[in-house]
Amino acid sequence: MSGPTDSDNTGDARRDRWRSHRAARRAEFVDAAMRALAEHGPDVGMDQIAAEAGVTKPVLYRHFTDKADLFVALGQRGTEILFDRLIPAMNNEEAPVPRIRKSLDAFFSTVEEHPNLYRVLVRRSFAKARVEQDIVAEDKELIANALSALLGDYLRSLDIDSGGAEPWAHGIVGMVQNVSEWWLERRTMNRDAVVEYLTQIIWSAIDGFTRARGIALDPNKPLAVNKVVKLRADDAG
């Protein structure tokens, strides 16, 4: 998702400049692919991507080994866009309900702004070719594991058994994923409405779970202990 760093330097200035140039060109072609996707839809072809980039297909293939390689690069860009929005929202030191709402809005705003990219990644089909790598599943696993750790921390801070944190987290992430796919195709309500419904569903589960154990949480008051989510090595925690 990022270009070469200082630690990647080989000591050969010419070679390092060439590597940096290739990384920059790949990034430009990913940008072109994003624009072509937005214009032509999830069935976009490599010819259309090359035309958007202002190059021929052979030039495009000098920077990507095949269609799957470009698919992965697009997936990495999508993950970067999502995490840049989702991590600050999940780590906001706010009351539970606003925090849930902002996290969901970060996800759904990304889906709304990049619908064709999301469709391509979910279908795992790009430029009429099937792709083996499931980037959506990888991101779901990352988010669910991070949410599991977050829920576990909060449950323990409340002296509640944290054994259910993992299935709970995977259930939430799976629900949000399924609703996003339904919403993207149906659009029977606007983004604010679907985010609010999911916010209330998730909070109701948390509220019911804690109340059953004698603990009443204020949905609009920050918790005494603030826990953070780390999805990448460079996230604050």
Protein backbone atom coordinates (compact mmCIF):
# COMPACT_ATOMS: atom_id res chain seq x y z
CA MET A 1 0.00 0.00 0.00
CA SER A 2 3.00 2.29 0.23
CA GLY A 3 6.11 3.00 -1.79
CA PRO A 4 9.69 2.14 -0.97
CA THR A 5 11.04 3.29 2.39
CA ASP A 6 14.55 4.14 3.52
CA SER A 7 14.97 0.58 4.75
CA ASP A 8 14.33 -0.64 1.18
CA ASN A 9 17.33 1.23 -0.22
CA THR A 10 19.91 -1.02 -1.83
CA GLY A 11 22.80 1.44 -1.73
CA ASP A 12 22.71 1.67 -5.52
CA ALA A 13 21.29 5.16 -6.20
CA ARG A 14 20.36 4.38 -9.81
CA ARG A 15 18.57 1.16 -8.87
CA ASP A 16 16.77 2.86 -5.98
CA ARG A 17 15.58 5.67 -8.26
CA TRP A 18 14.30 3.09 -10.75
CA ARG A 19 12.44 1.21 -8.02
CA SER A 20 10.92 4.46 -6.77
CA HIS A 21 9.89 5.36 -10.34
CA ARG A 22 8.23 1.96 -10.87
CA ALA A 23 6.36 2.25 -7.55
CA ALA A 24 5.13 5.71 -8.57
CA ARG A 25 4.03 4.45 -11.99
CA ARG A 26 2.16 1.53 -10.40
CA ALA A 27 0.37 4.00 -8.13
CA GLU A 28 -0.59 6.12 -11.15
CA PHE A 29 -1.99 3.07 -12.92
CA VAL A 30 -3.99 2.10 -9.84
CA ASP A 31 -5.44 5.63 -9.83
CA ALA A 32 -6.35 5.17 -13.50
CA ALA A 33 -7.97 1.81 -12.75
CA MET A 34 -10.03 3.45 -9.98
CA ARG A 35 -11.26 6.10 -12.43
CA ALA A 36 -12.03 3.51 -15.09
CA LEU A 37 -13.97 1.44 -12.55
CA ALA A 38 -15.98 4.48 -11.54
CA GLU A 39 -16.81 5.25 -15.18
CA HIS A 40 -17.32 1.80 -16.70
CA GLY A 41 -18.46 -0.29 -13.76
CA PRO A 42 -17.24 -3.59 -12.30
CA ASP A 43 -16.98 -5.21 -15.75
CA VAL A 44 -14.27 -2.76 -16.80
CA GLY A 45 -11.64 -4.18 -19.15
CA MET A 46 -7.88 -3.78 -19.29
CA ASP A 47 -8.22 -1.83 -22.56
CA GLN A 48 -10.35 0.75 -20.78
CA ILE A 49 -7.91 0.98 -17.89
CA ALA A 50 -4.96 1.40 -20.25
CA ALA A 51 -6.85 4.09 -22.17
CA GLU A 52 -7.63 5.93 -18.93
CA ALA A 53 -3.93 5.75 -18.01
CA GLY A 54 -2.94 7.01 -21.47
CA VAL A 55 -0.81 3.94 -22.26
CA THR A 56 -1.12 0.70 -24.18
CA LYS A 57 -1.90 -2.63 -22.52
CA PRO A 58 1.69 -3.89 -22.95
CA VAL A 59 2.93 -0.87 -20.98
CA LEU A 60 0.36 -1.62 -18.26
CA TYR A 61 1.53 -5.23 -18.06
CA ARG A 62 5.13 -4.11 -17.55
CA HIS A 63 4.07 -2.92 -14.12
CA PHE A 64 1.59 -5.68 -13.21
CA THR A 65 2.33 -9.32 -13.81
CA ASP A 66 -1.30 -10.07 -14.67
CA LYS A 67 -4.88 -9.01 -13.96
CA ALA A 68 -4.73 -10.57 -10.50
CA ASP A 69 -1.74 -8.39 -9.63
CA LEU A 70 -3.69 -5.24 -10.51
CA PHE A 71 -6.71 -6.59 -8.61
CA VAL A 72 -4.55 -6.98 -5.48
CA ALA A 73 -3.18 -3.45 -5.92
CA LEU A 74 -6.73 -2.12 -6.16
CA GLY A 75 -7.65 -4.10 -3.06
CA GLN A 76 -4.72 -2.62 -1.18
CA ARG A 77 -5.82 0.87 -2.19
CA GLY A 78 -9.37 0.14 -1.06
CA THR A 79 -8.12 -1.21 2.27
CA GLU A 80 -6.01 1.90 2.77
CA ILE A 81 -8.96 4.20 2.06
CA LEU A 82 -11.20 2.23 4.44
CA PHE A 83 -8.72 1.96 7.30
CA ASP A 84 -7.78 5.65 7.06
CA ARG A 85 -11.42 6.40 7.88
CA LEU A 86 -12.34 3.47 10.08
CA ILE A 87 -9.45 3.49 12.56
CA PRO A 88 -9.91 7.12 13.74
CA ALA A 89 -13.68 6.54 14.07
CA MET A 90 -13.25 3.33 16.08
CA ASN A 91 -10.65 4.97 18.31
CA ASN A 92 -12.57 8.16 18.96
CA GLU A 93 -12.86 8.86 22.71
CA GLU A 94 -16.61 9.30 22.61
CA ALA A 95 -19.64 7.71 24.16
CA PRO A 96 -20.51 4.20 22.94
CA VAL A 97 -23.36 5.06 20.56
CA PRO A 98 -21.62 7.97 18.77
CA ARG A 99 -18.51 5.81 18.47
CA ILE A 100 -20.48 2.95 16.92
CA ARG A 101 -22.30 5.36 14.60
CA LYS A 102 -19.11 7.03 13.37
CA SER A 103 -17.42 3.66 12.77
CA LEU A 104 -20.35 2.42 10.70
CA ASP A 105 -20.54 5.68 8.77
CA ALA A 106 -16.81 5.42 7.97
CA PHE A 107 -17.43 2.00 6.43
CA PHE A 108 -20.61 2.86 4.55
CA SER A 109 -19.23 6.15 3.26
CA THR A 110 -16.34 4.22 1.70
CA VAL A 111 -18.74 1.76 0.07
CA GLU A 112 -20.93 4.62 -1.17
CA GLU A 113 -18.02 6.55 -2.69
CA HIS A 114 -16.37 3.52 -4.31
CA PRO A 115 -19.25 1.16 -5.16
CA ASN A 116 -17.69 -0.46 -8.21
CA LEU A 117 -14.41 -1.14 -6.45
CA TYR A 118 -16.36 -2.78 -3.64
CA ARG A 119 -18.34 -4.88 -6.11
CA VAL A 120 -15.17 -6.06 -7.85
CA LEU A 121 -13.52 -7.01 -4.57
CA VAL A 122 -16.59 -8.85 -3.30
CA ARG A 123 -17.08 -10.75 -6.58
CA ARG A 124 -13.35 -11.55 -6.88
CA SER A 125 -13.72 -11.12 -10.62
CA PHE A 126 -11.72 -8.52 -12.51
CA ALA A 127 -11.47 -7.76 -16.25
CA LYS A 128 -13.35 -11.01 -17.02
CA ALA A 129 -10.90 -13.07 -14.96
CA ARG A 130 -11.51 -14.94 -11.71
CA VAL A 131 -9.14 -13.92 -8.89
CA GLU A 132 -8.14 -16.30 -6.12
CA GLN A 133 -7.18 -13.79 -3.44
CA ASP A 134 -10.13 -12.75 -1.25
CA ILE A 135 -9.19 -9.27 -0.03
CA VAL A 136 -12.63 -8.60 1.46
CA ALA A 137 -12.35 -11.73 3.62
CA GLU A 138 -8.84 -10.71 4.69
CA ASP A 139 -10.06 -7.26 5.73
CA LYS A 140 -13.05 -8.78 7.54
CA GLU A 141 -10.71 -11.04 9.50
CA LEU A 142 -8.46 -8.12 10.46
CA ILE A 143 -11.38 -5.98 11.58
CA ALA A 144 -13.12 -8.81 13.44
CA ASN A 145 -9.95 -9.78 15.29
CA ALA A 146 -9.31 -6.16 16.28
CA LEU A 147 -12.94 -5.72 17.38
CA SER A 148 -12.71 -8.97 19.34
CA ALA A 149 -9.71 -7.63 21.25
CA LEU A 150 -11.53 -4.34 21.84
CA LEU A 151 -14.71 -6.00 23.13
CA GLY A 152 -12.66 -8.36 25.29
CA ASP A 153 -10.83 -5.43 26.88
CA TYR A 154 -14.09 -3.66 27.67
CA LEU A 155 -15.78 -6.76 29.05
CA ARG A 156 -12.85 -7.46 31.35
CA SER A 157 -12.82 -3.82 32.50
CA LEU A 158 -16.45 -4.35 33.54
CA ASP A 159 -15.59 -7.65 35.27
CA ILE A 160 -17.65 -9.59 32.71
CA ASP A 161 -16.52 -12.88 31.16
CA SER A 162 -14.89 -12.03 27.81
CA GLY A 163 -15.28 -15.49 26.30
CA GLY A 164 -17.97 -14.32 23.90
CA ALA A 165 -15.95 -11.41 22.47
CA GLU A 166 -14.67 -13.33 19.45
CA PRO A 167 -17.95 -14.76 18.12
CA TRP A 168 -19.63 -11.45 18.96
CA ALA A 169 -17.06 -9.49 16.94
CA HIS A 170 -17.24 -11.83 13.95
CA GLY A 171 -21.04 -11.67 14.10
CA ILE A 172 -21.05 -7.87 14.02
CA VAL A 173 -18.58 -7.70 11.13
CA GLY A 174 -20.49 -10.34 9.17
CA MET A 175 -23.77 -8.51 9.71
CA VAL A 176 -22.32 -5.19 8.56
CA GLN A 177 -20.77 -6.86 5.50
CA ASN A 178 -24.02 -8.54 4.49
CA VAL A 179 -26.05 -5.38 5.02
CA SER A 180 -23.57 -3.35 2.96
CA GLU A 181 -23.90 -5.74 0.01
CA TRP A 182 -27.69 -5.66 0.26
CA TRP A 183 -27.74 -1.87 0.59
CA LEU A 184 -25.38 -1.32 -2.34
CA GLU A 185 -27.66 -3.20 -4.70
CA ARG A 186 -31.07 -2.19 -3.32
CA ARG A 187 -30.63 1.38 -2.03
CA THR A 188 -34.09 1.36 -0.41
CA MET A 189 -32.82 3.81 2.22
CA ASN A 190 -30.10 6.41 2.41
CA ARG A 191 -26.75 5.96 4.12
CA ASP A 192 -27.72 7.81 7.28
CA ALA A 193 -30.75 5.57 7.74
CA VAL A 194 -28.93 2.27 7.31
CA VAL A 195 -26.13 3.46 9.62
CA GLU A 196 -28.67 4.47 12.27
CA TYR A 197 -30.52 1.15 12.11
CA LEU A 198 -27.29 -0.80 12.51
CA THR A 199 -26.13 1.50 15.30
CA GLN A 200 -29.27 0.82 17.28
CA ILE A 201 -29.13 -2.93 16.62
CA ILE A 202 -25.51 -3.19 17.79
CA TRP A 203 -26.05 -0.96 20.81
CA SER A 204 -29.20 -2.87 21.82
CA ALA A 205 -27.18 -6.08 21.89
CA ILE A 206 -24.48 -4.49 24.05
CA ASP A 207 -27.01 -2.85 26.36
CA GLY A 208 -29.01 -6.04 26.80
CA PHE A 209 -25.88 -8.10 27.43
CA THR A 210 -24.54 -5.78 30.14
CA ARG A 211 -27.93 -5.16 31.79
CA ALA A 212 -28.44 -8.91 32.12
CA ARG A 213 -25.30 -8.83 34.26
CA GLY A 214 -26.43 -5.93 36.39
CA ILE A 215 -24.52 -3.17 34.57
CA ALA A 216 -26.28 -0.19 32.99
CA LEU A 217 -24.15 1.81 30.55
CA ASP A 218 -25.04 5.31 29.42
CA PRO A 219 -25.04 5.23 25.58
CA ASN A 220 -24.15 8.91 25.45
CA LYS A 221 -21.43 9.03 28.11
CA PRO A 222 -17.81 8.02 27.43
CA LEU A 223 -16.68 4.93 29.30
CA ALA A 224 -14.19 5.41 32.11
CA VAL A 225 -11.56 3.37 30.26
CA ASN A 226 -10.86 4.12 26.61
CA LYS A 227 -9.60 1.19 24.55
CA VAL A 228 -8.19 1.52 21.04
CA VAL A 229 -8.10 -0.61 17.92
CA LYS A 230 -4.94 -1.41 15.97
CA LEU A 231 -5.43 -2.68 12.41
CA ARG A 232 -1.94 -1.80 11.15
CA ALA A 233 1.50 -1.70 12.68
CA ASP A 234 1.61 2.11 12.52
CA ASP A 235 -1.75 2.69 14.22
CA ALA A 236 -1.64 4.54 17.50
CA GLY A 237 -2.46 2.33 20.44
